[in-house]
Amino acid sequence: MSIKEFLSQLLPSGLTVKDTVNNGMDFDLSLGKLLIGKLRFRNGEWIYSYSDEFKHQEVIKPLTQFPDKNEIYKSKILFPFFASRIPSENQNNVEAFLKIHPDKKGNLAELLAEFGKTSVNNPFKLSVH
């Protein structure tokens, strides 16, 4: 099994990006006041790139999944670094949210926007803009 296949098994199952985000979604990844990078969803593809601000500093190292500061990373599936920020749809707070917003059920981008702001796995903040 390849690393990519293994990582894809870690992603939330049954989640897709539905037509409600045809125009795309944009996320900023920050650490304190430093903009680390941008995650975008466009035309069925996730795109991650580091900010110029991050590229020009040397204190914080690049994320393991995105080792090259100058590369633009693209994938049809949400990168595991971001997918791990989305809780199971079976959690009480997620179930409550989906009762109020049933149109967002299974929508990876919308769930990331709602629940991915912080993570117990790392100190980075994710915001939608």
N, C-alpha and C. Protein backbone atom coordinates (compact mmCIF):
# COMPACT_ATOMS: atom_id res chain seq x y z
N MET A 1 0.85 -1.17 0.00
CA MET A 1 0.00 0.00 0.00
C MET A 1 0.90 1.24 0.00
N SER A 2 0.58 2.18 -0.88
CA SER A 2 1.36 3.41 -0.94
C SER A 2 0.99 4.34 0.22
N ILE A 3 1.84 5.31 0.47
CA ILE A 3 1.56 6.29 1.52
C ILE A 3 0.29 7.06 1.20
N LYS A 4 0.10 7.41 -0.06
CA LYS A 4 -1.09 8.17 -0.46
C LYS A 4 -2.36 7.35 -0.20
N GLU A 5 -2.32 6.04 -0.50
CA GLU A 5 -3.47 5.18 -0.24
C GLU A 5 -3.74 5.09 1.26
N PHE A 6 -2.66 4.94 2.04
CA PHE A 6 -2.81 4.87 3.49
C PHE A 6 -3.43 6.15 4.04
N LEU A 7 -2.92 7.29 3.61
CA LEU A 7 -3.43 8.57 4.09
C LEU A 7 -4.88 8.79 3.70
N SER A 8 -5.26 8.31 2.51
CA SER A 8 -6.65 8.50 2.07
C SER A 8 -7.61 7.72 2.96
N GLN A 9 -7.14 6.65 3.61
CA GLN A 9 -7.99 5.89 4.52
C GLN A 9 -8.26 6.66 5.80
N LEU A 10 -7.44 7.66 6.11
CA LEU A 10 -7.62 8.46 7.31
C LEU A 10 -8.65 9.56 7.13
N LEU A 11 -9.04 9.81 5.89
CA LEU A 11 -9.98 10.89 5.61
C LEU A 11 -11.39 10.51 6.04
N PRO A 12 -12.21 11.48 6.41
CA PRO A 12 -13.59 11.19 6.76
C PRO A 12 -14.31 10.55 5.58
N SER A 13 -14.99 9.45 5.83
CA SER A 13 -15.65 8.74 4.73
C SER A 13 -16.98 9.39 4.39
N GLY A 14 -17.37 9.26 3.15
CA GLY A 14 -18.67 9.74 2.71
C GLY A 14 -18.77 11.24 2.55
N LEU A 15 -17.66 11.94 2.68
CA LEU A 15 -17.72 13.39 2.58
C LEU A 15 -17.24 13.84 1.21
N THR A 16 -17.98 14.75 0.64
CA THR A 16 -17.64 15.29 -0.67
C THR A 16 -17.77 16.81 -0.61
N VAL A 17 -17.44 17.45 -1.68
CA VAL A 17 -17.70 18.88 -1.77
C VAL A 17 -18.85 19.03 -2.75
N LYS A 18 -19.97 19.48 -2.25
CA LYS A 18 -21.19 19.56 -3.05
C LYS A 18 -21.25 20.85 -3.84
N ASP A 19 -22.26 20.93 -4.68
CA ASP A 19 -22.42 22.07 -5.58
C ASP A 19 -22.56 23.41 -4.87
N THR A 20 -22.80 23.41 -3.57
CA THR A 20 -22.98 24.67 -2.86
C THR A 20 -21.70 25.49 -2.83
N VAL A 21 -20.57 24.89 -3.21
CA VAL A 21 -19.32 25.64 -3.23
C VAL A 21 -18.73 25.69 -4.64
N ASN A 22 -19.61 25.78 -5.64
CA ASN A 22 -19.15 25.85 -7.03
C ASN A 22 -18.16 26.98 -7.26
N ASN A 23 -18.36 28.09 -6.58
CA ASN A 23 -17.46 29.22 -6.76
C ASN A 23 -16.19 29.07 -5.96
N GLY A 24 -16.09 28.00 -5.21
CA GLY A 24 -14.89 27.73 -4.44
C GLY A 24 -14.96 28.25 -3.02
N MET A 25 -14.00 27.82 -2.24
CA MET A 25 -13.86 28.30 -0.87
C MET A 25 -12.39 28.59 -0.64
N ASP A 26 -12.13 29.60 0.18
CA ASP A 26 -10.76 29.98 0.51
C ASP A 26 -10.58 29.96 2.02
N PHE A 27 -9.47 29.35 2.45
CA PHE A 27 -9.13 29.26 3.86
C PHE A 27 -7.73 29.82 4.06
N ASP A 28 -7.53 30.48 5.21
CA ASP A 28 -6.20 30.94 5.62
C ASP A 28 -5.75 30.12 6.80
N LEU A 29 -4.49 29.67 6.78
CA LEU A 29 -3.90 28.93 7.88
C LEU A 29 -2.89 29.87 8.56
N SER A 30 -3.08 30.11 9.85
CA SER A 30 -2.24 31.08 10.57
C SER A 30 -1.69 30.47 11.85
N LEU A 31 -0.60 31.06 12.30
CA LEU A 31 -0.01 30.77 13.60
C LEU A 31 0.24 32.12 14.25
N GLY A 32 -0.59 32.46 15.23
CA GLY A 32 -0.53 33.81 15.78
C GLY A 32 -0.89 34.81 14.68
N LYS A 33 -0.05 35.80 14.50
CA LYS A 33 -0.28 36.81 13.46
C LYS A 33 0.33 36.45 12.12
N LEU A 34 1.08 35.34 12.06
CA LEU A 34 1.75 34.93 10.83
C LEU A 34 0.82 34.10 9.95
N LEU A 35 0.58 34.56 8.73
CA LEU A 35 -0.17 33.79 7.75
C LEU A 35 0.77 32.72 7.20
N ILE A 36 0.45 31.48 7.50
CA ILE A 36 1.29 30.36 7.06
C ILE A 36 1.03 30.04 5.59
N GLY A 37 -0.25 29.88 5.25
CA GLY A 37 -0.57 29.53 3.87
C GLY A 37 -2.05 29.65 3.58
N LYS A 38 -2.39 29.30 2.35
CA LYS A 38 -3.78 29.38 1.89
C LYS A 38 -4.20 28.04 1.31
N LEU A 39 -5.40 27.62 1.70
CA LEU A 39 -6.03 26.43 1.14
C LEU A 39 -7.22 26.90 0.34
N ARG A 40 -7.31 26.44 -0.89
CA ARG A 40 -8.44 26.82 -1.75
C ARG A 40 -9.08 25.56 -2.31
N PHE A 41 -10.37 25.64 -2.58
CA PHE A 41 -11.06 24.59 -3.30
C PHE A 41 -11.60 25.21 -4.58
N ARG A 42 -11.14 24.71 -5.70
CA ARG A 42 -11.55 25.23 -7.01
C ARG A 42 -11.75 24.08 -7.98
N ASN A 43 -12.90 24.06 -8.65
CA ASN A 43 -13.17 23.10 -9.72
C ASN A 43 -12.82 21.67 -9.34
N GLY A 44 -13.26 21.24 -8.16
CA GLY A 44 -13.04 19.87 -7.73
C GLY A 44 -11.63 19.56 -7.26
N GLU A 45 -10.84 20.59 -6.98
CA GLU A 45 -9.45 20.37 -6.59
C GLU A 45 -9.09 21.24 -5.38
N TRP A 46 -8.36 20.63 -4.44
CA TRP A 46 -7.82 21.35 -3.29
C TRP A 46 -6.43 21.85 -3.64
N ILE A 47 -6.14 23.08 -3.30
CA ILE A 47 -4.86 23.71 -3.63
C ILE A 47 -4.30 24.34 -2.35
N TYR A 48 -3.07 24.00 -2.01
CA TYR A 48 -2.42 24.60 -0.85
C TYR A 48 -1.12 25.24 -1.27
N SER A 49 -0.89 26.46 -0.77
CA SER A 49 0.39 27.14 -1.03
C SER A 49 0.74 27.99 0.19
N TYR A 50 2.02 28.18 0.39
CA TYR A 50 2.50 29.00 1.49
C TYR A 50 2.38 30.48 1.13
N SER A 51 2.20 31.31 2.14
CA SER A 51 2.14 32.76 1.93
C SER A 51 3.56 33.30 1.70
N ASP A 52 3.66 34.44 1.07
CA ASP A 52 4.96 35.08 0.88
C ASP A 52 5.59 35.40 2.23
N GLU A 53 4.76 35.81 3.17
CA GLU A 53 5.23 36.12 4.53
C GLU A 53 5.92 34.90 5.15
N PHE A 54 5.31 33.73 4.99
CA PHE A 54 5.90 32.51 5.55
C PHE A 54 7.19 32.12 4.80
N LYS A 55 7.18 32.28 3.50
CA LYS A 55 8.35 31.92 2.70
C LYS A 55 9.59 32.72 3.09
N HIS A 56 9.39 33.94 3.57
CA HIS A 56 10.51 34.83 3.87
C HIS A 56 10.95 34.80 5.33
N GLN A 57 10.42 33.88 6.12
CA GLN A 57 10.86 33.74 7.50
C GLN A 57 11.56 32.39 7.64
N GLU A 58 12.37 32.25 8.66
CA GLU A 58 13.15 31.02 8.86
C GLU A 58 12.92 30.37 10.23
N VAL A 59 12.06 30.95 11.05
CA VAL A 59 11.84 30.43 12.40
C VAL A 59 10.97 29.18 12.39
N ILE A 60 9.87 29.22 11.65
CA ILE A 60 8.93 28.10 11.60
C ILE A 60 9.20 27.27 10.35
N LYS A 61 9.33 25.98 10.56
CA LYS A 61 9.62 25.06 9.46
C LYS A 61 8.33 24.74 8.69
N PRO A 62 8.45 24.33 7.43
CA PRO A 62 7.27 23.94 6.65
C PRO A 62 6.58 22.73 7.26
N LEU A 63 5.30 22.61 6.99
CA LEU A 63 4.53 21.47 7.46
C LEU A 63 5.04 20.19 6.78
N THR A 64 4.99 19.09 7.50
CA THR A 64 5.53 17.82 6.98
C THR A 64 4.90 17.44 5.64
N GLN A 65 3.59 17.61 5.51
CA GLN A 65 2.92 17.23 4.26
C GLN A 65 3.20 18.19 3.11
N PHE A 66 3.74 19.36 3.44
CA PHE A 66 4.03 20.37 2.43
C PHE A 66 5.45 20.87 2.64
N PRO A 67 6.46 20.06 2.31
CA PRO A 67 7.84 20.38 2.67
C PRO A 67 8.50 21.51 1.88
N ASP A 68 8.04 21.76 0.66
CA ASP A 68 8.67 22.77 -0.19
C ASP A 68 7.87 24.08 -0.11
N LYS A 69 8.48 25.11 0.42
CA LYS A 69 7.80 26.40 0.58
C LYS A 69 7.34 27.00 -0.75
N ASN A 70 8.00 26.66 -1.83
CA ASN A 70 7.70 27.28 -3.12
C ASN A 70 6.76 26.48 -4.01
N GLU A 71 6.40 25.29 -3.59
CA GLU A 71 5.53 24.44 -4.41
C GLU A 71 4.07 24.80 -4.16
N ILE A 72 3.25 24.62 -5.18
CA ILE A 72 1.80 24.71 -5.05
C ILE A 72 1.29 23.27 -5.08
N TYR A 73 0.69 22.85 -3.99
CA TYR A 73 0.24 21.47 -3.83
C TYR A 73 -1.21 21.36 -4.28
N LYS A 74 -1.51 20.32 -5.07
CA LYS A 74 -2.86 20.12 -5.60
C LYS A 74 -3.29 18.68 -5.38
N SER A 75 -4.58 18.49 -5.09
CA SER A 75 -5.11 17.16 -4.86
C SER A 75 -6.62 17.15 -5.08
N LYS A 76 -7.12 16.04 -5.56
CA LYS A 76 -8.57 15.86 -5.71
C LYS A 76 -9.22 15.55 -4.37
N ILE A 77 -8.43 15.05 -3.41
CA ILE A 77 -8.95 14.79 -2.07
C ILE A 77 -8.33 15.78 -1.09
N LEU A 78 -9.07 16.10 -0.04
CA LEU A 78 -8.57 17.05 0.95
C LEU A 78 -7.34 16.48 1.64
N PHE A 79 -6.31 17.28 1.75
CA PHE A 79 -5.06 16.86 2.36
C PHE A 79 -5.33 16.40 3.80
N PRO A 80 -4.71 15.30 4.24
CA PRO A 80 -4.95 14.78 5.59
C PRO A 80 -4.71 15.80 6.70
N PHE A 81 -3.75 16.70 6.53
CA PHE A 81 -3.50 17.74 7.54
C PHE A 81 -4.78 18.52 7.85
N PHE A 82 -5.57 18.81 6.82
CA PHE A 82 -6.80 19.57 6.99
C PHE A 82 -7.98 18.65 7.30
N ALA A 83 -8.03 17.48 6.69
CA ALA A 83 -9.13 16.54 6.91
C ALA A 83 -9.21 16.12 8.37
N SER A 84 -8.07 16.03 9.03
CA SER A 84 -8.06 15.61 10.44
C SER A 84 -8.72 16.64 11.36
N ARG A 85 -8.98 17.82 10.86
CA ARG A 85 -9.62 18.87 11.64
C ARG A 85 -11.14 18.72 11.67
N ILE A 86 -11.68 17.84 10.85
CA ILE A 86 -13.13 17.66 10.75
C ILE A 86 -13.54 16.50 11.65
N PRO A 87 -14.40 16.76 12.64
CA PRO A 87 -14.85 15.68 13.52
C PRO A 87 -15.85 14.77 12.82
N SER A 88 -16.08 13.63 13.41
CA SER A 88 -17.06 12.68 12.90
C SER A 88 -18.45 13.31 12.91
N GLU A 89 -19.24 12.98 11.93
CA GLU A 89 -20.61 13.49 11.87
C GLU A 89 -21.46 12.91 13.00
N ASN A 90 -20.94 11.91 13.72
CA ASN A 90 -21.67 11.29 14.83
C ASN A 90 -21.49 12.04 16.15
N GLN A 91 -20.59 13.00 16.21
CA GLN A 91 -20.40 13.76 17.44
C GLN A 91 -21.60 14.68 17.68
N ASN A 92 -21.94 14.87 18.95
CA ASN A 92 -23.14 15.63 19.31
C ASN A 92 -23.18 17.03 18.70
N ASN A 93 -22.06 17.76 18.76
CA ASN A 93 -22.07 19.12 18.22
C ASN A 93 -22.23 19.13 16.71
N VAL A 94 -21.70 18.12 16.05
CA VAL A 94 -21.83 18.02 14.60
C VAL A 94 -23.26 17.63 14.24
N GLU A 95 -23.83 16.67 14.96
CA GLU A 95 -25.22 16.27 14.73
C GLU A 95 -26.16 17.45 14.91
N ALA A 96 -25.93 18.23 15.97
CA ALA A 96 -26.78 19.40 16.22
C ALA A 96 -26.67 20.41 15.08
N PHE A 97 -25.45 20.65 14.60
CA PHE A 97 -25.22 21.58 13.49
C PHE A 97 -25.94 21.09 12.23
N LEU A 98 -25.86 19.79 11.96
CA LEU A 98 -26.46 19.24 10.74
C LEU A 98 -27.99 19.20 10.81
N LYS A 99 -28.55 19.15 12.02
CA LYS A 99 -30.01 19.25 12.13
C LYS A 99 -30.48 20.63 11.70
N ILE A 100 -29.70 21.65 12.06
CA ILE A 100 -30.04 23.03 11.69
C ILE A 100 -29.70 23.30 10.22
N HIS A 101 -28.62 22.66 9.72
CA HIS A 101 -28.13 22.88 8.34
C HIS A 101 -28.03 21.54 7.61
N PRO A 102 -29.15 20.88 7.31
CA PRO A 102 -29.08 19.57 6.67
C PRO A 102 -28.42 19.60 5.28
N ASP A 103 -28.43 20.75 4.63
CA ASP A 103 -27.83 20.88 3.30
C ASP A 103 -26.30 20.76 3.35
N LYS A 104 -25.71 20.86 4.54
CA LYS A 104 -24.26 20.79 4.68
C LYS A 104 -23.78 19.37 5.02
N LYS A 105 -24.70 18.44 5.21
CA LYS A 105 -24.33 17.07 5.54
C LYS A 105 -23.46 16.48 4.43
N GLY A 106 -22.33 15.96 4.82
CA GLY A 106 -21.42 15.33 3.86
C GLY A 106 -20.58 16.30 3.06
N ASN A 107 -20.73 17.60 3.31
CA ASN A 107 -20.00 18.58 2.52
C ASN A 107 -18.68 18.92 3.23
N LEU A 108 -17.61 18.40 2.69
CA LEU A 108 -16.28 18.52 3.30
C LEU A 108 -15.86 19.97 3.51
N ALA A 109 -16.02 20.81 2.52
CA ALA A 109 -15.60 22.21 2.64
C ALA A 109 -16.42 22.95 3.69
N GLU A 110 -17.72 22.73 3.71
CA GLU A 110 -18.58 23.41 4.68
C GLU A 110 -18.28 22.93 6.10
N LEU A 111 -18.02 21.64 6.27
CA LEU A 111 -17.69 21.12 7.60
C LEU A 111 -16.32 21.60 8.06
N LEU A 112 -15.39 21.70 7.14
CA LEU A 112 -14.07 22.25 7.48
C LEU A 112 -14.20 23.71 7.91
N ALA A 113 -15.03 24.46 7.21
CA ALA A 113 -15.24 25.86 7.56
C ALA A 113 -15.87 25.99 8.95
N GLU A 114 -16.80 25.12 9.27
CA GLU A 114 -17.51 25.21 10.55
C GLU A 114 -16.70 24.66 11.72
N PHE A 115 -16.03 23.52 11.53
CA PHE A 115 -15.40 22.83 12.65
C PHE A 115 -13.87 22.80 12.61
N GLY A 116 -13.27 23.25 11.53
CA GLY A 116 -11.82 23.14 11.39
C GLY A 116 -11.02 24.33 11.85
N LYS A 117 -11.64 25.27 12.51
CA LYS A 117 -10.93 26.49 12.92
C LYS A 117 -9.73 26.19 13.81
N THR A 118 -9.91 25.27 14.74
CA THR A 118 -8.82 24.88 15.63
C THR A 118 -8.72 23.36 15.63
N SER A 119 -7.61 22.86 16.15
CA SER A 119 -7.39 21.42 16.22
C SER A 119 -6.59 21.10 17.47
N VAL A 120 -6.89 19.98 18.09
CA VAL A 120 -6.08 19.54 19.23
C VAL A 120 -4.74 19.00 18.75
N ASN A 121 -4.63 18.74 17.45
CA ASN A 121 -3.42 18.15 16.87
C ASN A 121 -2.30 19.16 16.63
N ASN A 122 -2.64 20.45 16.51
CA ASN A 122 -1.62 21.45 16.22
C ASN A 122 -2.12 22.84 16.62
N PRO A 123 -1.21 23.82 16.70
CA PRO A 123 -1.58 25.16 17.18
C PRO A 123 -2.09 26.10 16.09
N PHE A 124 -2.22 25.64 14.86
CA PHE A 124 -2.60 26.50 13.76
C PHE A 124 -4.09 26.82 13.78
N LYS A 125 -4.44 27.99 13.31
CA LYS A 125 -5.85 28.43 13.18
C LYS A 125 -6.21 28.44 11.71
N LEU A 126 -7.41 28.00 11.41
CA LEU A 126 -7.91 27.98 10.04
C LEU A 126 -9.13 28.89 9.98
N SER A 127 -9.13 29.81 9.04
CA SER A 127 -10.27 30.71 8.90
C SER A 127 -10.70 30.77 7.45
N VAL A 128 -12.00 31.00 7.26
CA VAL A 128 -12.57 31.12 5.92
C VAL A 128 -12.60 32.59 5.56
N HIS A 129 -12.28 32.88 4.32
CA HIS A 129 -12.43 34.28 3.89
C HIS A 129 -12.97 34.34 2.49
